[in-house]
Amino acid sequence: IFLSNGMFERHVSRVQKEYQARLAELRKACKQYLPVELETTIPESGIYSIISFPEHISIPKLMSILYQNNILVASTESSFLQTYRKNKSIRISILRTNQLQINQGIRVLGDVAKEMLSANKTYNKAFL
């Protein structure tokens, strides 16, 4: 019944619109809150996006701070072979969240990233 009466097509259409709105919110929040040193890869469709960090940023430390703020992200490290040079990136899913949570989470991520970048600049200046 679900397939034959058109309910499936309506469900797919509704879900696609919702994910598009979440991705749009993610793009907007990243532009607004993330420092320019970070690189974002946000697809036109899908549920995962990537945020890449400079080499000196500790991804485990970043993830720990975000976790303490109830923000769950995944490292992209497991996406690569052990012998391959790993990049400093996190993967963000828009699947189990809403637009408000996306905005708030990216704002916190931006604040944490700015603090970590600033701490490193202060550290480097001390040794110049």
PDB file of N, CA and C in Angstrom:
ATOM      1  N   ILE A   1       0.837  -1.193   0.000  1.00  0.00           N
ATOM      2  CA  ILE A   1       0.000   0.000   0.000  1.00  0.00           C
ATOM      3  C   ILE A   1       0.879   1.252   0.000  1.00  0.00           C
ATOM      4  N   PHE A   2       1.912   1.238   0.843  1.00  0.00           N
ATOM      5  CA  PHE A   2       2.793   2.397   0.978  1.00  0.00           C
ATOM      6  C   PHE A   2       3.407   2.789  -0.366  1.00  0.00           C
ATOM      7  N   LEU A   3       3.790   1.794  -1.177  1.00  0.00           N
ATOM      8  CA  LEU A   3       4.396   2.067  -2.471  1.00  0.00           C
ATOM      9  C   LEU A   3       3.361   2.361  -3.553  1.00  0.00           C
ATOM     10  N   SER A   4       2.275   1.636  -3.543  1.00  0.00           N
ATOM     11  CA  SER A   4       1.307   1.732  -4.638  1.00  0.00           C
ATOM     12  C   SER A   4       0.432   2.976  -4.594  1.00  0.00           C
ATOM     13  N   ASN A   5       0.225   3.582  -3.431  1.00  0.00           N
ATOM     14  CA  ASN A   5      -0.675   4.731  -3.391  1.00  0.00           C
ATOM     15  C   ASN A   5       0.055   6.081  -3.383  1.00  0.00           C
ATOM     16  N   GLY A   6       1.353   6.056  -3.603  1.00  0.00           N
ATOM     17  CA  GLY A   6       2.093   7.313  -3.704  1.00  0.00           C
ATOM     18  C   GLY A   6       2.652   7.841  -2.390  1.00  0.00           C
ATOM     19  N   MET A   7       2.407   7.126  -1.299  1.00  0.00           N
ATOM     20  CA  MET A   7       2.914   7.604  -0.005  1.00  0.00           C
ATOM     21  C   MET A   7       4.434   7.612   0.033  1.00  0.00           C
ATOM     22  N   PHE A   8       5.055   6.634  -0.603  1.00  0.00           N
ATOM     23  CA  PHE A   8       6.513   6.564  -0.600  1.00  0.00           C
ATOM     24  C   PHE A   8       7.124   7.770  -1.302  1.00  0.00           C
ATOM     25  N   GLU A   9       6.591   8.125  -2.469  1.00  0.00           N
ATOM     26  CA  GLU A   9       7.105   9.269  -3.212  1.00  0.00           C
ATOM     27  C   GLU A   9       6.957  10.566  -2.407  1.00  0.00           C
ATOM     28  N   ARG A  10       5.816  10.724  -1.738  1.00  0.00           N
ATOM     29  CA  ARG A  10       5.603  11.916  -0.910  1.00  0.00           C
ATOM     30  C   ARG A  10       6.589  11.937   0.268  1.00  0.00           C
ATOM     31  N   HIS A  11       6.829  10.771   0.852  1.00  0.00           N
ATOM     32  CA  HIS A  11       7.782  10.685   1.960  1.00  0.00           C
ATOM     33  C   HIS A  11       9.187  11.062   1.482  1.00  0.00           C
ATOM     34  N   VAL A  12       9.603  10.516   0.361  1.00  0.00           N
ATOM     35  CA  VAL A  12      10.936  10.820  -0.182  1.00  0.00           C
ATOM     36  C   VAL A  12      11.050  12.310  -0.473  1.00  0.00           C
ATOM     37  N   SER A  13      10.038  12.882  -1.071  1.00  0.00           N
ATOM     38  CA  SER A  13      10.046  14.314  -1.390  1.00  0.00           C
ATOM     39  C   SER A  13      10.167  15.160  -0.124  1.00  0.00           C
ATOM     40  N   ARG A  14       9.420  14.794   0.910  1.00  0.00           N
ATOM     41  CA  ARG A  14       9.450  15.532   2.175  1.00  0.00           C
ATOM     42  C   ARG A  14      10.833  15.433   2.830  1.00  0.00           C
ATOM     43  N   VAL A  15      11.404  14.231   2.841  1.00  0.00           N
ATOM     44  CA  VAL A  15      12.718  14.025   3.449  1.00  0.00           C
ATOM     45  C   VAL A  15      13.792  14.790   2.661  1.00  0.00           C
ATOM     46  N   GLN A  16      13.734  14.760   1.340  1.00  0.00           N
ATOM     47  CA  GLN A  16      14.702  15.495   0.527  1.00  0.00           C
ATOM     48  C   GLN A  16      14.644  16.993   0.821  1.00  0.00           C
ATOM     49  N   LYS A  17      13.448  17.539   0.935  1.00  0.00           N
ATOM     50  CA  LYS A  17      13.300  18.969   1.245  1.00  0.00           C
ATOM     51  C   LYS A  17      13.870  19.292   2.621  1.00  0.00           C
ATOM     52  N   GLU A  18      13.628  18.425   3.583  1.00  0.00           N
ATOM     53  CA  GLU A  18      14.146  18.637   4.937  1.00  0.00           C
ATOM     54  C   GLU A  18      15.674  18.597   4.951  1.00  0.00           C
ATOM     55  N   TYR A  19      16.266  17.631   4.268  1.00  0.00           N
ATOM     56  CA  TYR A  19      17.730  17.544   4.229  1.00  0.00           C
ATOM     57  C   TYR A  19      18.330  18.733   3.479  1.00  0.00           C
ATOM     58  N   GLN A  20      17.677  19.194   2.429  1.00  0.00           N
ATOM     59  CA  GLN A  20      18.152  20.369   1.710  1.00  0.00           C
ATOM     60  C   GLN A  20      18.139  21.597   2.620  1.00  0.00           C
ATOM     61  N   ALA A  21      17.083  21.736   3.423  1.00  0.00           N
ATOM     62  CA  ALA A  21      17.001  22.860   4.363  1.00  0.00           C
ATOM     63  C   ALA A  21      18.093  22.760   5.423  1.00  0.00           C
ATOM     64  N   ARG A  22      18.375  21.558   5.899  1.00  0.00           N
ATOM     65  CA  ARG A  22      19.441  21.376   6.891  1.00  0.00           C
ATOM     66  C   ARG A  22      20.806  21.701   6.297  1.00  0.00           C
ATOM     67  N   LEU A  23      21.048  21.252   5.066  1.00  0.00           N
ATOM     68  CA  LEU A  23      22.327  21.563   4.407  1.00  0.00           C
ATOM     69  C   LEU A  23      22.468  23.064   4.175  1.00  0.00           C
ATOM     70  N   ALA A  24      21.378  23.719   3.810  1.00  0.00           N
ATOM     71  CA  ALA A  24      21.412  25.174   3.617  1.00  0.00           C
ATOM     72  C   ALA A  24      21.749  25.866   4.942  1.00  0.00           C
ATOM     73  N   GLU A  25      21.164  25.404   6.029  1.00  0.00           N
ATOM     74  CA  GLU A  25      21.455  25.968   7.351  1.00  0.00           C
ATOM     75  C   GLU A  25      22.913  25.718   7.731  1.00  0.00           C
ATOM     76  N   LEU A  26      23.414  24.544   7.408  1.00  0.00           N
ATOM     77  CA  LEU A  26      24.814  24.223   7.686  1.00  0.00           C
ATOM     78  C   LEU A  26      25.748  25.157   6.913  1.00  0.00           C
ATOM     79  N   ARG A  27      25.468  25.371   5.637  1.00  0.00           N
ATOM     80  CA  ARG A  27      26.291  26.296   4.829  1.00  0.00           C
ATOM     81  C   ARG A  27      26.277  27.703   5.433  1.00  0.00           C
ATOM     82  N   LYS A  28      25.085  28.170   5.787  1.00  0.00           N
ATOM     83  CA  LYS A  28      24.927  29.505   6.354  1.00  0.00           C
ATOM     84  C   LYS A  28      25.683  29.624   7.681  1.00  0.00           C
ATOM     85  N   ALA A  29      25.522  28.648   8.553  1.00  0.00           N
ATOM     86  CA  ALA A  29      26.177  28.687   9.863  1.00  0.00           C
ATOM     87  C   ALA A  29      27.698  28.614   9.724  1.00  0.00           C
ATOM     88  N   CYS A  30      28.191  27.797   8.810  1.00  0.00           N
ATOM     89  CA  CYS A  30      29.647  27.698   8.602  1.00  0.00           C
ATOM     90  C   CYS A  30      30.217  29.034   8.136  1.00  0.00           C
ATOM     91  N   LYS A  31      29.539  29.693   7.200  1.00  0.00           N
ATOM     92  CA  LYS A  31      30.001  31.013   6.741  1.00  0.00           C
ATOM     93  C   LYS A  31      29.987  32.032   7.871  1.00  0.00           C
ATOM     94  N   GLN A  32      28.988  31.943   8.720  1.00  0.00           N
ATOM     95  CA  GLN A  32      28.815  32.924   9.780  1.00  0.00           C
ATOM     96  C   GLN A  32      29.770  32.701  10.946  1.00  0.00           C
ATOM     97  N   TYR A  33      30.010  31.448  11.342  1.00  0.00           N
ATOM     98  CA  TYR A  33      30.696  31.185  12.603  1.00  0.00           C
ATOM     99  C   TYR A  33      32.112  30.610  12.504  1.00  0.00           C
ATOM    100  N   LEU A  34      32.444  29.946  11.417  1.00  0.00           N
ATOM    101  CA  LEU A  34      33.742  29.276  11.375  1.00  0.00           C
ATOM    102  C   LEU A  34      34.859  30.220  10.940  1.00  0.00           C
ATOM    103  N   PRO A  35      36.030  30.093  11.569  1.00  0.00           N
ATOM    104  CA  PRO A  35      37.161  30.927  11.145  1.00  0.00           C
ATOM    105  C   PRO A  35      37.614  30.542   9.733  1.00  0.00           C
ATOM    106  N   VAL A  36      38.243  31.489   9.059  1.00  0.00           N
ATOM    107  CA  VAL A  36      38.647  31.268   7.668  1.00  0.00           C
ATOM    108  C   VAL A  36      39.716  30.191   7.525  1.00  0.00           C
ATOM    109  N   GLU A  37      40.406  29.855   8.612  1.00  0.00           N
ATOM    110  CA  GLU A  37      41.447  28.819   8.551  1.00  0.00           C
ATOM    111  C   GLU A  37      40.874  27.425   8.328  1.00  0.00           C
ATOM    112  N   LEU A  38      39.571  27.257   8.553  1.00  0.00           N
ATOM    113  CA  LEU A  38      38.933  25.956   8.374  1.00  0.00           C
ATOM    114  C   LEU A  38      38.380  25.838   6.960  1.00  0.00           C
ATOM    115  N   GLU A  39      38.412  24.632   6.450  1.00  0.00           N
ATOM    116  CA  GLU A  39      37.894  24.363   5.108  1.00  0.00           C
ATOM    117  C   GLU A  39      36.674  23.460   5.219  1.00  0.00           C
ATOM    118  N   THR A  40      35.588  23.857   4.593  1.00  0.00           N
ATOM    119  CA  THR A  40      34.369  23.048   4.640  1.00  0.00           C
ATOM    120  C   THR A  40      34.095  22.389   3.298  1.00  0.00           C
ATOM    121  N   THR A  41      33.574  21.175   3.372  1.00  0.00           N
ATOM    122  CA  THR A  41      33.113  20.454   2.190  1.00  0.00           C
ATOM    123  C   THR A  41      31.678  20.041   2.480  1.00  0.00           C
ATOM    124  N   ILE A  42      30.742  20.776   1.903  1.00  0.00           N
ATOM    125  CA  ILE A  42      29.322  20.521   2.130  1.00  0.00           C
ATOM    126  C   ILE A  42      28.705  20.166   0.775  1.00  0.00           C
ATOM    127  N   PRO A  43      28.223  18.935   0.634  1.00  0.00           N
ATOM    128  CA  PRO A  43      27.692  18.513  -0.666  1.00  0.00           C
ATOM    129  C   PRO A  43      26.348  19.158  -0.985  1.00  0.00           C
ATOM    130  N   GLU A  44      25.940  19.036  -2.220  1.00  0.00           N
ATOM    131  CA  GLU A  44      24.623  19.538  -2.631  1.00  0.00           C
ATOM    132  C   GLU A  44      23.506  18.664  -2.078  1.00  0.00           C
ATOM    133  N   SER A  45      23.804  17.390  -1.859  1.00  0.00           N
ATOM    134  CA  SER A  45      22.824  16.476  -1.270  1.00  0.00           C
ATOM    135  C   SER A  45      23.578  15.478  -0.403  1.00  0.00           C
ATOM    136  N   GLY A  46      22.849  14.781   0.418  1.00  0.00           N
ATOM    137  CA  GLY A  46      23.470  13.807   1.309  1.00  0.00           C
ATOM    138  C   GLY A  46      23.309  14.213   2.755  1.00  0.00           C
ATOM    139  N   ILE A  47      23.976  13.473   3.643  1.00  0.00           N
ATOM    140  CA  ILE A  47      23.819  13.738   5.069  1.00  0.00           C
ATOM    141  C   ILE A  47      25.140  14.046   5.771  1.00  0.00           C
ATOM    142  N   TYR A  48      26.271  13.893   5.094  1.00  0.00           N
ATOM    143  CA  TYR A  48      27.567  14.127   5.731  1.00  0.00           C
ATOM    144  C   TYR A  48      28.293  15.305   5.107  1.00  0.00           C
ATOM    145  N   SER A  49      28.975  16.053   5.957  1.00  0.00           N
ATOM    146  CA  SER A  49      29.836  17.150   5.514  1.00  0.00           C
ATOM    147  C   SER A  49      31.164  17.020   6.248  1.00  0.00           C
ATOM    148  N   ILE A  50      32.190  17.622   5.695  1.00  0.00           N
ATOM    149  CA  ILE A  50      33.541  17.538   6.249  1.00  0.00           C
ATOM    150  C   ILE A  50      34.040  18.939   6.578  1.00  0.00           C
ATOM    151  N   ILE A  51      34.678  19.062   7.738  1.00  0.00           N
ATOM    152  CA  ILE A  51      35.354  20.300   8.104  1.00  0.00           C
ATOM    153  C   ILE A  51      36.809  19.946   8.382  1.00  0.00           C
ATOM    154  N   SER A  52      37.719  20.596   7.663  1.00  0.00           N
ATOM    155  CA  SER A  52      39.154  20.318   7.792  1.00  0.00           C
ATOM    156  C   SER A  52      39.839  21.432   8.567  1.00  0.00           C
ATOM    157  N   PHE A  53      40.843  21.034   9.349  1.00  0.00           N
ATOM    158  CA  PHE A  53      41.551  21.928  10.261  1.00  0.00           C
ATOM    159  C   PHE A  53      43.026  21.990   9.917  1.00  0.00           C
ATOM    160  N   PRO A  54      43.709  23.056  10.337  1.00  0.00           N
ATOM    161  CA  PRO A  54      45.161  23.120  10.152  1.00  0.00           C
ATOM    162  C   PRO A  54      45.850  21.981  10.902  1.00  0.00           C
ATOM    163  N   GLU A  55      47.051  21.640  10.467  1.00  0.00           N
ATOM    164  CA  GLU A  55      47.792  20.499  11.006  1.00  0.00           C
ATOM    165  C   GLU A  55      47.994  20.549  12.516  1.00  0.00           C
ATOM    166  N   HIS A  56      48.157  21.721  13.090  1.00  0.00           N
ATOM    167  CA  HIS A  56      48.486  21.821  14.512  1.00  0.00           C
ATOM    168  C   HIS A  56      47.289  21.641  15.453  1.00  0.00           C
ATOM    169  N   ILE A  57      46.093  21.538  14.910  1.00  0.00           N
ATOM    170  CA  ILE A  57      44.901  21.357  15.748  1.00  0.00           C
ATOM    171  C   ILE A  57      44.748  19.877  16.088  1.00  0.00           C
ATOM    172  N   SER A  58      44.541  19.582  17.362  1.00  0.00           N
ATOM    173  CA  SER A  58      44.328  18.205  17.820  1.00  0.00           C
ATOM    174  C   SER A  58      42.856  17.840  17.641  1.00  0.00           C
ATOM    175  N   ILE A  59      42.587  16.951  16.715  1.00  0.00           N
ATOM    176  CA  ILE A  59      41.213  16.522  16.473  1.00  0.00           C
ATOM    177  C   ILE A  59      40.644  15.788  17.692  1.00  0.00           C
ATOM    178  N   PRO A  60      41.383  14.882  18.351  1.00  0.00           N
ATOM    179  CA  PRO A  60      40.823  14.255  19.559  1.00  0.00           C
ATOM    180  C   PRO A  60      40.472  15.274  20.650  1.00  0.00           C
ATOM    181  N   LYS A  61      41.304  16.274  20.840  1.00  0.00           N
ATOM    182  CA  LYS A  61      41.009  17.310  21.844  1.00  0.00           C
ATOM    183  C   LYS A  61      39.766  18.102  21.429  1.00  0.00           C
ATOM    184  N   LEU A  62      39.688  18.469  20.166  1.00  0.00           N
ATOM    185  CA  LEU A  62      38.524  19.185  19.644  1.00  0.00           C
ATOM    186  C   LEU A  62      37.250  18.370  19.860  1.00  0.00           C
ATOM    187  N   MET A  63      37.304  17.088  19.506  1.00  0.00           N
ATOM    188  CA  MET A  63      36.135  16.229  19.655  1.00  0.00           C
ATOM    189  C   MET A  63      35.727  16.097  21.124  1.00  0.00           C
ATOM    190  N   SER A  64      36.704  16.042  22.015  1.00  0.00           N
ATOM    191  CA  SER A  64      36.415  15.946  23.447  1.00  0.00           C
ATOM    192  C   SER A  64      35.701  17.197  23.953  1.00  0.00           C
ATOM    193  N   ILE A  65      36.185  18.356  23.544  1.00  0.00           N
ATOM    194  CA  ILE A  65      35.548  19.617  23.954  1.00  0.00           C
ATOM    195  C   ILE A  65      34.131  19.701  23.405  1.00  0.00           C
ATOM    196  N   LEU A  66      33.955  19.319  22.147  1.00  0.00           N
ATOM    197  CA  LEU A  66      32.624  19.346  21.545  1.00  0.00           C
ATOM    198  C   LEU A  66      31.694  18.364  22.261  1.00  0.00           C
ATOM    199  N   TYR A  67      32.205  17.191  22.602  1.00  0.00           N
ATOM    200  CA  TYR A  67      31.404  16.194  23.314  1.00  0.00           C
ATOM    201  C   TYR A  67      30.927  16.746  24.660  1.00  0.00           C
ATOM    202  N   GLN A  68      31.804  17.470  25.343  1.00  0.00           N
ATOM    203  CA  GLN A  68      31.430  18.081  26.623  1.00  0.00           C
ATOM    204  C   GLN A  68      30.307  19.101  26.454  1.00  0.00           C
ATOM    205  N   ASN A  69      30.163  19.599  25.233  1.00  0.00           N
ATOM    206  CA  ASN A  69      29.094  20.548  24.900  1.00  0.00           C
ATOM    207  C   ASN A  69      27.922  19.869  24.184  1.00  0.00           C
ATOM    208  N   ASN A  70      27.859  18.540  24.301  1.00  0.00           N
ATOM    209  CA  ASN A  70      26.781  17.738  23.690  1.00  0.00           C
ATOM    210  C   ASN A  70      26.739  17.839  22.172  1.00  0.00           C
ATOM    211  N   ILE A  71      27.919  17.992  21.565  1.00  0.00           N
ATOM    212  CA  ILE A  71      28.017  18.035  20.109  1.00  0.00           C
ATOM    213  C   ILE A  71      28.847  16.834  19.680  1.00  0.00           C
ATOM    214  N   LEU A  72      28.220  15.954  18.913  1.00  0.00           N
ATOM    215  CA  LEU A  72      28.888  14.729  18.486  1.00  0.00           C
ATOM    216  C   LEU A  72      29.324  14.849  17.034  1.00  0.00           C
ATOM    217  N   VAL A  73      30.602  14.641  16.820  1.00  0.00           N
ATOM    218  CA  VAL A  73      31.170  14.621  15.473  1.00  0.00           C
ATOM    219  C   VAL A  73      32.053  13.390  15.377  1.00  0.00           C
ATOM    220  N   ALA A  74      32.464  13.036  14.181  1.00  0.00           N
ATOM    221  CA  ALA A  74      33.329  11.883  13.977  1.00  0.00           C
ATOM    222  C   ALA A  74      34.602  12.327  13.276  1.00  0.00           C
ATOM    223  N   SER A  75      35.697  11.721  13.651  1.00  0.00           N
ATOM    224  CA  SER A  75      36.955  11.961  12.951  1.00  0.00           C
ATOM    225  C   SER A  75      36.893  11.250  11.605  1.00  0.00           C
ATOM    226  N   THR A  76      37.558  11.799  10.619  1.00  0.00           N
ATOM    227  CA  THR A  76      37.617  11.124   9.318  1.00  0.00           C
ATOM    228  C   THR A  76      38.779  10.141   9.262  1.00  0.00           C
ATOM    229  N   GLU A  77      39.527  10.022  10.350  1.00  0.00           N
ATOM    230  CA  GLU A  77      40.710   9.162  10.382  1.00  0.00           C
ATOM    231  C   GLU A  77      40.404   7.726   9.975  1.00  0.00           C
ATOM    232  N   SER A  78      39.276   7.205  10.400  1.00  0.00           N
ATOM    233  CA  SER A  78      38.920   5.821  10.061  1.00  0.00           C
ATOM    234  C   SER A  78      38.540   5.657   8.587  1.00  0.00           C
ATOM    235  N   SER A  79      38.442   6.748   7.875  1.00  0.00           N
ATOM    236  CA  SER A  79      38.099   6.685   6.457  1.00  0.00           C
ATOM    237  C   SER A  79      39.306   6.409   5.574  1.00  0.00           C
ATOM    238  N   PHE A  80      40.491   6.372   6.173  1.00  0.00           N
ATOM    239  CA  PHE A  80      41.722   6.212   5.402  1.00  0.00           C
ATOM    240  C   PHE A  80      42.476   4.962   5.841  1.00  0.00           C
ATOM    241  N   LEU A  81      43.279   4.408   4.950  1.00  0.00           N
ATOM    242  CA  LEU A  81      44.170   3.318   5.311  1.00  0.00           C
ATOM    243  C   LEU A  81      45.204   3.830   6.307  1.00  0.00           C
ATOM    244  N   GLN A  82      45.693   2.947   7.173  1.00  0.00           N
ATOM    245  CA  GLN A  82      46.659   3.371   8.184  1.00  0.00           C
ATOM    246  C   GLN A  82      47.938   3.930   7.566  1.00  0.00           C
ATOM    247  N   THR A  83      48.315   3.439   6.400  1.00  0.00           N
ATOM    248  CA  THR A  83      49.550   3.901   5.756  1.00  0.00           C
ATOM    249  C   THR A  83      49.371   5.208   4.994  1.00  0.00           C
ATOM    250  N   TYR A  84      48.145   5.635   4.816  1.00  0.00           N
ATOM    251  CA  TYR A  84      47.856   6.861   4.077  1.00  0.00           C
ATOM    252  C   TYR A  84      47.955   8.066   5.005  1.00  0.00           C
ATOM    253  N   ARG A  85      48.459   9.163   4.499  1.00  0.00           N
ATOM    254  CA  ARG A  85      48.534  10.394   5.290  1.00  0.00           C
ATOM    255  C   ARG A  85      47.126  10.842   5.649  1.00  0.00           C
ATOM    256  N   LYS A  86      46.873  10.928   6.912  1.00  0.00           N
ATOM    257  CA  LYS A  86      45.540  11.306   7.380  1.00  0.00           C
ATOM    258  C   LYS A  86      45.395  12.823   7.380  1.00  0.00           C
ATOM    259  N   ASN A  87      44.219  13.276   7.059  1.00  0.00           N
ATOM    260  CA  ASN A  87      43.992  14.712   7.135  1.00  0.00           C
ATOM    261  C   ASN A  87      43.324  15.042   8.464  1.00  0.00           C
ATOM    262  N   LYS A  88      43.402  16.274   8.862  1.00  0.00           N
ATOM    263  CA  LYS A  88      42.833  16.745  10.127  1.00  0.00           C
ATOM    264  C   LYS A  88      41.416  17.218   9.865  1.00  0.00           C
ATOM    265  N   SER A  89      40.482  16.276   9.872  1.00  0.00           N
ATOM    266  CA  SER A  89      39.101  16.612   9.534  1.00  0.00           C
ATOM    267  C   SER A  89      38.121  15.912  10.458  1.00  0.00           C
ATOM    268  N   ILE A  90      36.942  16.509  10.544  1.00  0.00           N
ATOM    269  CA  ILE A  90      35.829  15.876  11.237  1.00  0.00           C
ATOM    270  C   ILE A  90      34.671  15.744  10.253  1.00  0.00           C
ATOM    271  N   ARG A  91      33.845  14.764  10.524  1.00  0.00           N
ATOM    272  CA  ARG A  91      32.662  14.525   9.695  1.00  0.00           C
ATOM    273  C   ARG A  91      31.441  14.895  10.517  1.00  0.00           C
ATOM    274  N   ILE A  92      30.548  15.640   9.901  1.00  0.00           N
ATOM    275  CA  ILE A  92      29.324  16.076  10.549  1.00  0.00           C
ATOM    276  C   ILE A  92      28.143  15.457   9.814  1.00  0.00           C
ATOM    277  N   SER A  93      27.197  14.936  10.592  1.00  0.00           N
ATOM    278  CA  SER A  93      25.982  14.381  10.017  1.00  0.00           C
ATOM    279  C   SER A  93      24.812  15.305  10.342  1.00  0.00           C
ATOM    280  N   ILE A  94      23.940  15.492   9.368  1.00  0.00           N
ATOM    281  CA  ILE A  94      22.726  16.287   9.588  1.00  0.00           C
ATOM    282  C   ILE A  94      21.515  15.387   9.810  1.00  0.00           C
ATOM    283  N   LEU A  95      21.761  14.083   9.940  1.00  0.00           N
ATOM    284  CA  LEU A  95      20.670  13.115   9.991  1.00  0.00           C
ATOM    285  C   LEU A  95      19.790  13.263  11.223  1.00  0.00           C
ATOM    286  N   ARG A  96      20.373  13.270  12.406  1.00  0.00           N
ATOM    287  CA  ARG A  96      19.567  13.284  13.632  1.00  0.00           C
ATOM    288  C   ARG A  96      19.652  14.631  14.335  1.00  0.00           C
ATOM    289  N   THR A  97      19.377  15.669  13.597  1.00  0.00           N
ATOM    290  CA  THR A  97      19.434  17.020  14.142  1.00  0.00           C
ATOM    291  C   THR A  97      18.403  17.885  13.432  1.00  0.00           C
ATOM    292  N   ASN A  98      18.269  19.122  13.890  1.00  0.00           N
ATOM    293  CA  ASN A  98      17.370  20.049  13.205  1.00  0.00           C
ATOM    294  C   ASN A  98      18.138  21.341  12.916  1.00  0.00           C
ATOM    295  N   GLN A  99      17.503  22.280  12.260  1.00  0.00           N
ATOM    296  CA  GLN A  99      18.207  23.494  11.831  1.00  0.00           C
ATOM    297  C   GLN A  99      18.722  24.316  13.013  1.00  0.00           C
ATOM    298  N   LEU A 100      17.957  24.405  14.072  1.00  0.00           N
ATOM    299  CA  LEU A 100      18.398  25.153  15.245  1.00  0.00           C
ATOM    300  C   LEU A 100      19.628  24.502  15.870  1.00  0.00           C
ATOM    301  N   GLN A 101      19.613  23.184  15.998  1.00  0.00           N
ATOM    302  CA  GLN A 101      20.765  22.475  16.558  1.00  0.00           C
ATOM    303  C   GLN A 101      21.995  22.625  15.666  1.00  0.00           C
ATOM    304  N   ILE A 102      21.793  22.613  14.364  1.00  0.00           N
ATOM    305  CA  ILE A 102      22.912  22.805  13.435  1.00  0.00           C
ATOM    306  C   ILE A 102      23.531  24.173  13.669  1.00  0.00           C
ATOM    307  N   ASN A 103      22.703  25.203  13.732  1.00  0.00           N
ATOM    308  CA  ASN A 103      23.202  26.565  13.941  1.00  0.00           C
ATOM    309  C   ASN A 103      23.946  26.679  15.262  1.00  0.00           C
ATOM    310  N   GLN A 104      23.365  26.178  16.327  1.00  0.00           N
ATOM    311  CA  GLN A 104      23.994  26.265  17.650  1.00  0.00           C
ATOM    312  C   GLN A 104      25.287  25.447  17.703  1.00  0.00           C
ATOM    313  N   GLY A 105      25.269  24.261  17.123  1.00  0.00           N
ATOM    314  CA  GLY A 105      26.454  23.403  17.131  1.00  0.00           C
ATOM    315  C   GLY A 105      27.605  23.997  16.357  1.00  0.00           C
ATOM    316  N   ILE A 106      27.336  24.573  15.203  1.00  0.00           N
ATOM    317  CA  ILE A 106      28.402  25.188  14.406  1.00  0.00           C
ATOM    318  C   ILE A 106      28.918  26.445  15.100  1.00  0.00           C
ATOM    319  N   ARG A 107      28.052  27.172  15.791  1.00  0.00           N
ATOM    320  CA  ARG A 107      28.510  28.337  16.554  1.00  0.00           C
ATOM    321  C   ARG A 107      29.504  27.910  17.634  1.00  0.00           C
ATOM    322  N   VAL A 108      29.172  26.858  18.366  1.00  0.00           N
ATOM    323  CA  VAL A 108      30.083  26.352  19.402  1.00  0.00           C
ATOM    324  C   VAL A 108      31.363  25.831  18.768  1.00  0.00           C
ATOM    325  N   LEU A 109      31.248  25.088  17.685  1.00  0.00           N
ATOM    326  CA  LEU A 109      32.434  24.587  16.974  1.00  0.00           C
ATOM    327  C   LEU A 109      33.329  25.747  16.552  1.00  0.00           C
ATOM    328  N   GLY A 110      32.737  26.808  16.028  1.00  0.00           N
ATOM    329  CA  GLY A 110      33.512  27.978  15.630  1.00  0.00           C
ATOM    330  C   GLY A 110      34.219  28.619  16.808  1.00  0.00           C
ATOM    331  N   ASP A 111      33.538  28.741  17.940  1.00  0.00           N
ATOM    332  CA  ASP A 111      34.157  29.314  19.141  1.00  0.00           C
ATOM    333  C   ASP A 111      35.331  28.471  19.616  1.00  0.00           C
ATOM    334  N   VAL A 112      35.149  27.156  19.652  1.00  0.00           N
ATOM    335  CA  VAL A 112      36.212  26.248  20.094  1.00  0.00           C
ATOM    336  C   VAL A 112      37.393  26.313  19.123  1.00  0.00           C
ATOM    337  N   ALA A 113      37.106  26.294  17.836  1.00  0.00           N
ATOM    338  CA  ALA A 113      38.175  26.351  16.832  1.00  0.00           C
ATOM    339  C   ALA A 113      38.959  27.661  16.948  1.00  0.00           C
ATOM    340  N   LYS A 114      38.267  28.769  17.112  1.00  0.00           N
ATOM    341  CA  LYS A 114      38.950  30.059  17.261  1.00  0.00           C
ATOM    342  C   LYS A 114      39.848  30.055  18.488  1.00  0.00           C
ATOM    343  N   GLU A 115      39.354  29.483  19.580  1.00  0.00           N
ATOM    344  CA  GLU A 115      40.154  29.413  20.810  1.00  0.00           C
ATOM    345  C   GLU A 115      41.400  28.547  20.603  1.00  0.00           C
ATOM    346  N   MET A 116      41.237  27.415  19.935  1.00  0.00           N
ATOM    347  CA  MET A 116      42.377  26.525  19.696  1.00  0.00           C
ATOM    348  C   MET A 116      43.379  27.178  18.740  1.00  0.00           C
ATOM    349  N   LEU A 117      42.901  27.863  17.730  1.00  0.00           N
ATOM    350  CA  LEU A 117      43.796  28.554  16.795  1.00  0.00           C
ATOM    351  C   LEU A 117      44.529  29.687  17.498  1.00  0.00           C
ATOM    352  N   SER A 118      43.831  30.415  18.337  1.00  0.00           N
ATOM    353  CA  SER A 118      44.424  31.527  19.076  1.00  0.00           C
ATOM    354  C   SER A 118      45.474  31.025  20.053  1.00  0.00           C
ATOM    355  N   ALA A 119      45.189  29.934  20.748  1.00  0.00           N
ATOM    356  CA  ALA A 119      46.144  29.363  21.708  1.00  0.00           C
ATOM    357  C   ALA A 119      47.424  28.967  20.999  1.00  0.00           C
ATOM    358  N   ASN A 120      47.319  28.426  19.804  1.00  0.00           N
ATOM    359  CA  ASN A 120      48.509  28.022  19.059  1.00  0.00           C
ATOM    360  C   ASN A 120      49.314  29.233  18.607  1.00  0.00           C
ATOM    361  N   LYS A 121      48.640  30.304  18.199  1.00  0.00           N
ATOM    362  CA  LYS A 121      49.348  31.519  17.783  1.00  0.00           C
ATOM    363  C   LYS A 121      50.110  32.113  18.964  1.00  0.00           C
ATOM    364  N   THR A 122      49.498  32.125  20.135  1.00  0.00           N
ATOM    365  CA  THR A 122      50.153  32.637  21.326  1.00  0.00           C
ATOM    366  C   THR A 122      51.370  31.787  21.656  1.00  0.00           C
ATOM    367  N   TYR A 123      51.228  30.459  21.548  1.00  0.00           N
ATOM    368  CA  TYR A 123      52.326  29.538  21.818  1.00  0.00           C
ATOM    369  C   TYR A 123      53.479  29.772  20.853  1.00  0.00           C
ATOM    370  N   ASN A 124      53.170  29.916  19.564  1.00  0.00           N
ATOM    371  CA  ASN A 124      54.217  30.130  18.548  1.00  0.00           C
ATOM    372  C   ASN A 124      54.928  31.460  18.771  1.00  0.00           C
ATOM    373  N   LYS A 125      54.214  32.520  19.138  1.00  0.00           N
ATOM    374  CA  LYS A 125      54.821  33.834  19.365  1.00  0.00           C
ATOM    375  C   LYS A 125      55.810  33.794  20.518  1.00  0.00           C
ATOM    376  N   ALA A 126      55.543  32.958  21.506  1.00  0.00           N
ATOM    377  CA  ALA A 126      56.421  32.878  22.675  1.00  0.00           C
ATOM    378  C   ALA A 126      57.799  32.333  22.297  1.00  0.00           C
ATOM    379  N   PHE A 127      57.882  31.601  21.185  1.00  0.00           N
ATOM    380  CA  PHE A 127      59.151  31.009  20.788  1.00  0.00           C
ATOM    381  C   PHE A 127      59.811  31.728  19.629  1.00  0.00           C
ATOM    382  N   LEU A 128      59.274  32.840  19.211  1.00  0.00           N
ATOM    383  CA  LEU A 128      59.878  33.609  18.116  1.00  0.00           C
ATOM    384  C   LEU A 128      60.935  34.564  18.618  1.00  0.00           C
TER     385      LEU A 128
END
